[in-house]
């Protein structure tokens, strides 16, 4: 079974410096049909104008993953971490017992486009922590690259939840198949182009629930350009 969450039906927050699309209920946006999926609670598709950003704010008991699609994002937190994440970089911040941080576009003239993803942790009160790694497009081309997992497999970030987060990239005409174990479900989110998922067409910004399917078959149409997407394998 595949249920599509169309990009055009997502919630939206628009400010003079921010354009954010919400796949699930977030902040002032609430949809009783989309309050999360299994341990996945937030996928915010954020575009921030140059020299603007989110001021210091706090989180607790949440696994927060940020993935930059275009541009750069400067991160500072109460753990003493200060870094800039760029296109292809993935960051994981475990809020645990509590952490404060800010996210800012350091460029004076270029916007930043990034995804902020939240998971419920496997336990409350975990120690706060931070990781950041680069996953070049070449590592994802015509395949899936694990970028986050419970056990940090294959050099991925460690997420304190039973989830495997993978990034994929397909050239036109290419097909990718991935098994889905019994009892597990998937969420697929398209970040670029168009993807045929088990016979259902998805475009950039679309998401889809995949349940009771033995495998995912992802196909980038011949007549289209490259496609990029995330696959969340969830307990």
C-alpha atoms as a PDB file:
ATOM      1  CA  UNK A   1       0.000   0.000   0.000  1.00  0.00           C
ATOM      2  CA  UNK A   2       1.259   3.443  -0.953  1.00  0.00           C
ATOM      3  CA  UNK A   3      -0.344   6.665   0.292  1.00  0.00           C
ATOM      4  CA  UNK A   4       0.938   9.901  -1.241  1.00  0.00           C
ATOM      5  CA  UNK A   5       1.400  13.135   0.694  1.00  0.00           C
ATOM      6  CA  UNK A   6       1.410  15.689  -2.168  1.00  0.00           C
ATOM      7  CA  UNK A   7       3.818  18.599  -1.926  1.00  0.00           C
ATOM      8  CA  UNK A   8       1.003  21.060  -2.630  1.00  0.00           C
ATOM      9  CA  UNK A   9      -1.009  19.857   0.368  1.00  0.00           C
ATOM     10  CA  UNK A  10       1.722  20.358   2.966  1.00  0.00           C
ATOM     11  CA  UNK A  11       1.402  23.043   5.606  1.00  0.00           C
ATOM     12  CA  UNK A  12       3.242  26.312   5.072  1.00  0.00           C
ATOM     13  CA  UNK A  13       4.871  29.028   7.136  1.00  0.00           C
ATOM     14  CA  UNK A  14       5.832  32.207   5.255  1.00  0.00           C
ATOM     15  CA  UNK A  15       7.788  35.025   6.848  1.00  0.00           C
ATOM     16  CA  UNK A  16       9.816  37.800   5.264  1.00  0.00           C
ATOM     17  CA  UNK A  17      12.960  35.645   5.630  1.00  0.00           C
ATOM     18  CA  UNK A  18      11.576  32.080   5.667  1.00  0.00           C
ATOM     19  CA  UNK A  19       9.477  29.877   3.406  1.00  0.00           C
ATOM     20  CA  UNK A  20       8.848  26.537   5.134  1.00  0.00           C
ATOM     21  CA  UNK A  21       6.733  23.592   4.010  1.00  0.00           C
ATOM     22  CA  UNK A  22       5.595  21.118   6.678  1.00  0.00           C
ATOM     23  CA  UNK A  23       4.972  17.478   5.775  1.00  0.00           C
ATOM     24  CA  UNK A  24       3.603  16.851   9.277  1.00  0.00           C
ATOM     25  CA  UNK A  25       1.847  19.024  11.857  1.00  0.00           C
ATOM     26  CA  UNK A  26       4.281  21.619  13.164  1.00  0.00           C
ATOM     27  CA  UNK A  27       4.013  24.878  15.099  1.00  0.00           C
ATOM     28  CA  UNK A  28       0.807  26.648  14.145  1.00  0.00           C
ATOM     29  CA  UNK A  29      -0.022  24.122  11.425  1.00  0.00           C
ATOM     30  CA  UNK A  30      -2.083  21.091  12.418  1.00  0.00           C
ATOM     31  CA  UNK A  31      -3.501  18.278  10.312  1.00  0.00           C
ATOM     32  CA  UNK A  32      -4.970  15.361  12.321  1.00  0.00           C
ATOM     33  CA  UNK A  33      -4.140  13.012   9.436  1.00  0.00           C
ATOM     34  CA  UNK A  34      -0.459  13.970   9.426  1.00  0.00           C
ATOM     35  CA  UNK A  35       0.975  14.262  12.922  1.00  0.00           C
ATOM     36  CA  UNK A  36       3.928  11.970  12.126  1.00  0.00           C
ATOM     37  CA  UNK A  37       4.580   8.452  10.905  1.00  0.00           C
ATOM     38  CA  UNK A  38       5.905   5.867  13.344  1.00  0.00           C
ATOM     39  CA  UNK A  39       8.980   7.485  14.974  1.00  0.00           C
ATOM     40  CA  UNK A  40       9.185  10.177  12.262  1.00  0.00           C
ATOM     41  CA  UNK A  41       7.672  13.426  13.537  1.00  0.00           C
ATOM     42  CA  UNK A  42       8.878  16.322  11.361  1.00  0.00           C
ATOM     43  CA  UNK A  43      10.020  16.934   7.808  1.00  0.00           C
ATOM     44  CA  UNK A  44      10.323  20.684   7.320  1.00  0.00           C
ATOM     45  CA  UNK A  45      11.418  21.872   3.876  1.00  0.00           C
ATOM     46  CA  UNK A  46      13.015  25.239   4.684  1.00  0.00           C
ATOM     47  CA  UNK A  47      14.270  28.048   2.466  1.00  0.00           C
ATOM     48  CA  UNK A  48      16.033  30.852   4.325  1.00  0.00           C
ATOM     49  CA  UNK A  49      17.044  34.174   2.795  1.00  0.00           C
ATOM     50  CA  UNK A  50      20.670  35.420   2.890  1.00  0.00           C
ATOM     51  CA  UNK A  51      21.979  36.592   6.253  1.00  0.00           C
ATOM     52  CA  UNK A  52      18.832  35.393   8.054  1.00  0.00           C
ATOM     53  CA  UNK A  53      17.977  32.435  10.241  1.00  0.00           C
ATOM     54  CA  UNK A  54      16.552  30.883  13.384  1.00  0.00           C
ATOM     55  CA  UNK A  55      17.703  32.528  16.606  1.00  0.00           C
ATOM     56  CA  UNK A  56      18.715  30.542  19.666  1.00  0.00           C
ATOM     57  CA  UNK A  57      15.970  28.177  20.795  1.00  0.00           C
ATOM     58  CA  UNK A  58      15.792  24.981  22.821  1.00  0.00           C
ATOM     59  CA  UNK A  59      14.818  21.346  22.269  1.00  0.00           C
ATOM     60  CA  UNK A  60      14.692  18.206  24.388  1.00  0.00           C
ATOM     61  CA  UNK A  61      14.059  14.492  23.801  1.00  0.00           C
ATOM     62  CA  UNK A  62      14.270  14.643  20.025  1.00  0.00           C
ATOM     63  CA  UNK A  63      16.681  13.371  17.372  1.00  0.00           C
ATOM     64  CA  UNK A  64      17.099  16.233  14.873  1.00  0.00           C
ATOM     65  CA  UNK A  65      18.665  15.635  11.466  1.00  0.00           C
ATOM     66  CA  UNK A  66      19.436  18.506   9.080  1.00  0.00           C
ATOM     67  CA  UNK A  67      20.319  17.928   5.434  1.00  0.00           C
ATOM     68  CA  UNK A  68      21.403  20.814   3.184  1.00  0.00           C
ATOM     69  CA  UNK A  69      20.111  20.633  -0.388  1.00  0.00           C
ATOM     70  CA  UNK A  70      21.502  23.962  -1.628  1.00  0.00           C
ATOM     71  CA  UNK A  71      23.676  26.590  -0.005  1.00  0.00           C
ATOM     72  CA  UNK A  72      25.102  26.583   3.515  1.00  0.00           C
ATOM     73  CA  UNK A  73      23.773  26.647   7.075  1.00  0.00           C
ATOM     74  CA  UNK A  74      25.689  27.796  10.125  1.00  0.00           C
ATOM     75  CA  UNK A  75      25.005  25.927  13.358  1.00  0.00           C
ATOM     76  CA  UNK A  76      25.865  26.923  16.935  1.00  0.00           C
ATOM     77  CA  UNK A  77      24.725  25.161  20.102  1.00  0.00           C
ATOM     78  CA  UNK A  78      25.046  25.042  23.866  1.00  0.00           C
ATOM     79  CA  UNK A  79      27.322  21.989  23.564  1.00  0.00           C
ATOM     80  CA  UNK A  80      30.005  24.302  22.193  1.00  0.00           C
ATOM     81  CA  UNK A  81      29.587  23.101  18.631  1.00  0.00           C
ATOM     82  CA  UNK A  82      29.995  25.631  15.857  1.00  0.00           C
ATOM     83  CA  UNK A  83      30.012  24.516  12.243  1.00  0.00           C
ATOM     84  CA  UNK A  84      28.780  25.233   8.731  1.00  0.00           C
ATOM     85  CA  UNK A  85      26.957  22.478   6.878  1.00  0.00           C
ATOM     86  CA  UNK A  86      26.930  22.638   3.092  1.00  0.00           C
ATOM     87  CA  UNK A  87      25.252  20.885   0.185  1.00  0.00           C
ATOM     88  CA  UNK A  88      25.494  17.130   0.737  1.00  0.00           C
ATOM     89  CA  UNK A  89      26.283  17.452   4.442  1.00  0.00           C
ATOM     90  CA  UNK A  90      24.084  15.799   7.061  1.00  0.00           C
ATOM     91  CA  UNK A  91      23.963  16.814  10.722  1.00  0.00           C
ATOM     92  CA  UNK A  92      22.489  14.967  13.702  1.00  0.00           C
ATOM     93  CA  UNK A  93      21.775  16.685  16.994  1.00  0.00           C
ATOM     94  CA  UNK A  94      20.432  14.626  19.883  1.00  0.00           C
ATOM     95  CA  UNK A  95      18.540  17.061  22.094  1.00  0.00           C
ATOM     96  CA  UNK A  96      18.157  14.565  24.951  1.00  0.00           C
ATOM     97  CA  UNK A  97      18.069  16.265  28.338  1.00  0.00           C
ATOM     98  CA  UNK A  98      18.116  19.662  26.628  1.00  0.00           C
ATOM     99  CA  UNK A  99      20.136  21.709  24.175  1.00  0.00           C
ATOM    100  CA  UNK A 100      19.888  25.232  22.739  1.00  0.00           C
ATOM    101  CA  UNK A 101      20.992  26.059  19.216  1.00  0.00           C
ATOM    102  CA  UNK A 102      20.714  28.524  16.352  1.00  0.00           C
ATOM    103  CA  UNK A 103      20.674  28.032  12.577  1.00  0.00           C
ATOM    104  CA  UNK A 104      21.714  30.867  10.300  1.00  0.00           C
ATOM    105  CA  UNK A 105      22.382  31.415   6.615  1.00  0.00           C
ATOM    106  CA  UNK A 106      25.920  32.834   6.593  1.00  0.00           C
ATOM    107  CA  UNK A 107      25.827  33.907   2.939  1.00  0.00           C
ATOM    108  CA  UNK A 108      25.247  37.614   2.215  1.00  0.00           C
ATOM    109  CA  UNK A 109      23.641  36.906  -1.158  1.00  0.00           C
ATOM    110  CA  UNK A 110      22.642  33.225  -1.573  1.00  0.00           C
ATOM    111  CA  UNK A 111      19.591  31.517  -0.004  1.00  0.00           C
ATOM    112  CA  UNK A 112      19.868  28.157   1.730  1.00  0.00           C
ATOM    113  CA  UNK A 113      17.506  25.240   1.141  1.00  0.00           C
ATOM    114  CA  UNK A 114      17.545  22.458   3.701  1.00  0.00           C
ATOM    115  CA  UNK A 115      15.435  19.763   5.312  1.00  0.00           C
ATOM    116  CA  UNK A 116      15.006  19.530   9.055  1.00  0.00           C
ATOM    117  CA  UNK A 117      13.880  16.074  10.179  1.00  0.00           C
ATOM    118  CA  UNK A 118      12.844  15.030  13.674  1.00  0.00           C
ATOM    119  CA  UNK A 119      12.578  11.538  15.154  1.00  0.00           C
ATOM    120  CA  UNK A 120      11.323  10.522  18.569  1.00  0.00           C
ATOM    121  CA  UNK A 121      14.301   9.001  20.425  1.00  0.00           C
ATOM    122  CA  UNK A 122      14.269   5.416  21.686  1.00  0.00           C
ATOM    123  CA  UNK A 123      14.456   6.705  25.271  1.00  0.00           C
ATOM    124  CA  UNK A 124      13.979   9.981  27.098  1.00  0.00           C
ATOM    125  CA  UNK A 125      16.751  11.767  28.931  1.00  0.00           C
ATOM    126  CA  UNK A 126      19.615  10.758  26.646  1.00  0.00           C
ATOM    127  CA  UNK A 127      22.825  12.810  26.798  1.00  0.00           C
ATOM    128  CA  UNK A 128      22.842  15.596  24.185  1.00  0.00           C
ATOM    129  CA  UNK A 129      25.165  14.980  21.251  1.00  0.00           C
ATOM    130  CA  UNK A 130      26.183  16.190  17.810  1.00  0.00           C
ATOM    131  CA  UNK A 131      27.520  14.650  14.588  1.00  0.00           C
ATOM    132  CA  UNK A 132      28.144  16.002  11.094  1.00  0.00           C
ATOM    133  CA  UNK A 133      29.350  14.192   7.972  1.00  0.00           C
ATOM    134  CA  UNK A 134      29.596  14.809   4.234  1.00  0.00           C
ATOM    135  CA  UNK A 135      27.914  12.399   1.811  1.00  0.00           C
ATOM    136  CA  UNK A 136      28.966  13.406  -1.729  1.00  0.00           C
ATOM    137  CA  UNK A 137      26.518  12.969  -4.570  1.00  0.00           C
ATOM    138  CA  UNK A 138      28.916  10.517  -6.213  1.00  0.00           C
ATOM    139  CA  UNK A 139      28.362   8.131  -3.280  1.00  0.00           C
ATOM    140  CA  UNK A 140      24.602   8.165  -3.902  1.00  0.00           C
ATOM    141  CA  UNK A 141      24.513   8.074  -7.707  1.00  0.00           C
ATOM    142  CA  UNK A 142      22.256   5.298  -8.988  1.00  0.00           C
ATOM    143  CA  UNK A 143      22.086   3.795  -5.538  1.00  0.00           C
ATOM    144  CA  UNK A 144      21.145   4.305  -1.908  1.00  0.00           C
ATOM    145  CA  UNK A 145      23.634   5.643   0.634  1.00  0.00           C
ATOM    146  CA  UNK A 146      22.850   5.133   4.320  1.00  0.00           C
ATOM    147  CA  UNK A 147      23.311   8.527   5.998  1.00  0.00           C
ATOM    148  CA  UNK A 148      21.777   7.761   9.402  1.00  0.00           C
ATOM    149  CA  UNK A 149      21.088   4.596  11.397  1.00  0.00           C
ATOM    150  CA  UNK A 150      20.763   3.249  14.915  1.00  0.00           C
ATOM    151  CA  UNK A 151      24.133   1.487  14.732  1.00  0.00           C
ATOM    152  CA  UNK A 152      26.027   4.022  12.601  1.00  0.00           C
ATOM    153  CA  UNK A 153      26.446   1.398   9.870  1.00  0.00           C
ATOM    154  CA  UNK A 154      28.602   2.077   6.826  1.00  0.00           C
ATOM    155  CA  UNK A 155      29.950   5.289   8.288  1.00  0.00           C
ATOM    156  CA  UNK A 156      26.522   6.872   8.738  1.00  0.00           C
ATOM    157  CA  UNK A 157      25.430   9.183  11.526  1.00  0.00           C
ATOM    158  CA  UNK A 158      24.070   7.539  14.671  1.00  0.00           C
ATOM    159  CA  UNK A 159      20.362   8.115  15.289  1.00  0.00           C
ATOM    160  CA  UNK A 160      19.020   6.955  18.639  1.00  0.00           C
ATOM    161  CA  UNK A 161      16.001   5.197  17.154  1.00  0.00           C
ATOM    162  CA  UNK A 162      15.328   2.066  15.098  1.00  0.00           C
ATOM    163  CA  UNK A 163      15.485   3.823  11.733  1.00  0.00           C
ATOM    164  CA  UNK A 164      17.633   3.630   8.625  1.00  0.00           C
ATOM    165  CA  UNK A 165      17.760   6.896   6.680  1.00  0.00           C
ATOM    166  CA  UNK A 166      19.163   6.619   3.152  1.00  0.00           C
ATOM    167  CA  UNK A 167      19.730   9.140   0.372  1.00  0.00           C
ATOM    168  CA  UNK A 168      19.329   8.134  -3.265  1.00  0.00           C
ATOM    169  CA  UNK A 169      20.110   9.692  -6.638  1.00  0.00           C
ATOM    170  CA  UNK A 170      19.037   8.305 -10.007  1.00  0.00           C
ATOM    171  CA  UNK A 171      19.954   9.284 -13.536  1.00  0.00           C
ATOM    172  CA  UNK A 172      17.150   9.232 -16.145  1.00  0.00           C
ATOM    173  CA  UNK A 173      16.037   5.705 -16.981  1.00  0.00           C
ATOM    174  CA  UNK A 174      17.750   4.074 -14.011  1.00  0.00           C
ATOM    175  CA  UNK A 175      15.947   1.783 -11.576  1.00  0.00           C
ATOM    176  CA  UNK A 176      16.708   1.079  -7.924  1.00  0.00           C
ATOM    177  CA  UNK A 177      15.242  -1.743  -5.836  1.00  0.00           C
ATOM    178  CA  UNK A 178      15.345  -1.974  -2.042  1.00  0.00           C
ATOM    179  CA  UNK A 179      13.896  -4.684   0.198  1.00  0.00           C
ATOM    180  CA  UNK A 180      11.492  -3.791   2.995  1.00  0.00           C
ATOM    181  CA  UNK A 181      11.591  -6.318   5.834  1.00  0.00           C
ATOM    182  CA  UNK A 182       8.347  -7.751   7.266  1.00  0.00           C
ATOM    183  CA  UNK A 183       6.888  -5.503   9.952  1.00  0.00           C
ATOM    184  CA  UNK A 184       8.723  -2.419   8.738  1.00  0.00           C
ATOM    185  CA  UNK A 185       7.380   0.534   6.812  1.00  0.00           C
ATOM    186  CA  UNK A 186       8.958   3.263   4.721  1.00  0.00           C
ATOM    187  CA  UNK A 187       8.475   6.933   4.058  1.00  0.00           C
ATOM    188  CA  UNK A 188       9.888   8.236   0.772  1.00  0.00           C
ATOM    189  CA  UNK A 189      10.514  11.959   0.293  1.00  0.00           C
ATOM    190  CA  UNK A 190      11.513  13.362  -3.109  1.00  0.00           C
ATOM    191  CA  UNK A 191      13.982  16.259  -3.030  1.00  0.00           C
ATOM    192  CA  UNK A 192      14.567  16.709  -6.769  1.00  0.00           C
ATOM    193  CA  UNK A 193      12.966  15.664 -10.042  1.00  0.00           C
ATOM    194  CA  UNK A 194      10.381  12.897 -10.462  1.00  0.00           C
ATOM    195  CA  UNK A 195      10.319   9.309  -9.226  1.00  0.00           C
ATOM    196  CA  UNK A 196       8.062   6.380 -10.038  1.00  0.00           C
ATOM    197  CA  UNK A 197       7.661   4.507  -6.738  1.00  0.00           C
ATOM    198  CA  UNK A 198       6.090   1.056  -7.203  1.00  0.00           C
ATOM    199  CA  UNK A 199       3.973   2.474 -10.041  1.00  0.00           C
ATOM    200  CA  UNK A 200       3.075   5.749  -8.292  1.00  0.00           C
ATOM    201  CA  UNK A 201       4.597   8.973  -9.644  1.00  0.00           C
ATOM    202  CA  UNK A 202       6.073  11.416  -7.135  1.00  0.00           C
ATOM    203  CA  UNK A 203       7.498  14.891  -7.771  1.00  0.00           C
ATOM    204  CA  UNK A 204       9.848  17.077  -5.736  1.00  0.00           C
ATOM    205  CA  UNK A 205       8.389  17.789  -2.315  1.00  0.00           C
ATOM    206  CA  UNK A 206       6.035  14.805  -2.381  1.00  0.00           C
ATOM    207  CA  UNK A 207       6.170  12.165   0.316  1.00  0.00           C
ATOM    208  CA  UNK A 208       4.682   8.684   0.422  1.00  0.00           C
ATOM    209  CA  UNK A 209       3.910   6.031   3.016  1.00  0.00           C
ATOM    210  CA  UNK A 210       4.877   2.500   1.982  1.00  0.00           C
ATOM    211  CA  UNK A 211       3.345  -0.325   4.018  1.00  0.00           C
ATOM    212  CA  UNK A 212       2.816  -4.057   3.434  1.00  0.00           C
ATOM    213  CA  UNK A 213       5.120  -4.025   0.425  1.00  0.00           C
ATOM    214  CA  UNK A 214       8.057  -6.469   0.165  1.00  0.00           C
ATOM    215  CA  UNK A 215      10.259  -3.988  -1.656  1.00  0.00           C
ATOM    216  CA  UNK A 216      10.598  -0.511  -3.079  1.00  0.00           C
ATOM    217  CA  UNK A 217      11.109  -0.088  -6.809  1.00  0.00           C
ATOM    218  CA  UNK A 218      12.203   3.440  -7.709  1.00  0.00           C
ATOM    219  CA  UNK A 219      12.493   4.521 -11.332  1.00  0.00           C
ATOM    220  CA  UNK A 220      13.620   7.856 -12.757  1.00  0.00           C
ATOM    221  CA  UNK A 221      11.633   8.436 -16.000  1.00  0.00           C
ATOM    222  CA  UNK A 222      13.670   8.493 -19.205  1.00  0.00           C
ATOM    223  CA  UNK A 223      12.335  11.869 -20.320  1.00  0.00           C
ATOM    224  CA  UNK A 224      13.157  13.633 -17.059  1.00  0.00           C
ATOM    225  CA  UNK A 225      16.386  14.860 -15.481  1.00  0.00           C
ATOM    226  CA  UNK A 226      18.135  13.377 -12.456  1.00  0.00           C
ATOM    227  CA  UNK A 227      16.049  12.580  -9.394  1.00  0.00           C
ATOM    228  CA  UNK A 228      17.003  12.644  -5.718  1.00  0.00           C
ATOM    229  CA  UNK A 229      15.120  11.310  -2.718  1.00  0.00           C
ATOM    230  CA  UNK A 230      15.272  10.079   0.863  1.00  0.00           C
ATOM    231  CA  UNK A 231      14.101   6.676   2.087  1.00  0.00           C
ATOM    232  CA  UNK A 232      13.152   6.268   5.763  1.00  0.00           C
ATOM    233  CA  UNK A 233      13.075   2.586   6.805  1.00  0.00           C
ATOM    234  CA  UNK A 234      11.090   2.604  10.052  1.00  0.00           C
ATOM    235  CA  UNK A 235      10.271   0.050  12.736  1.00  0.00           C
END
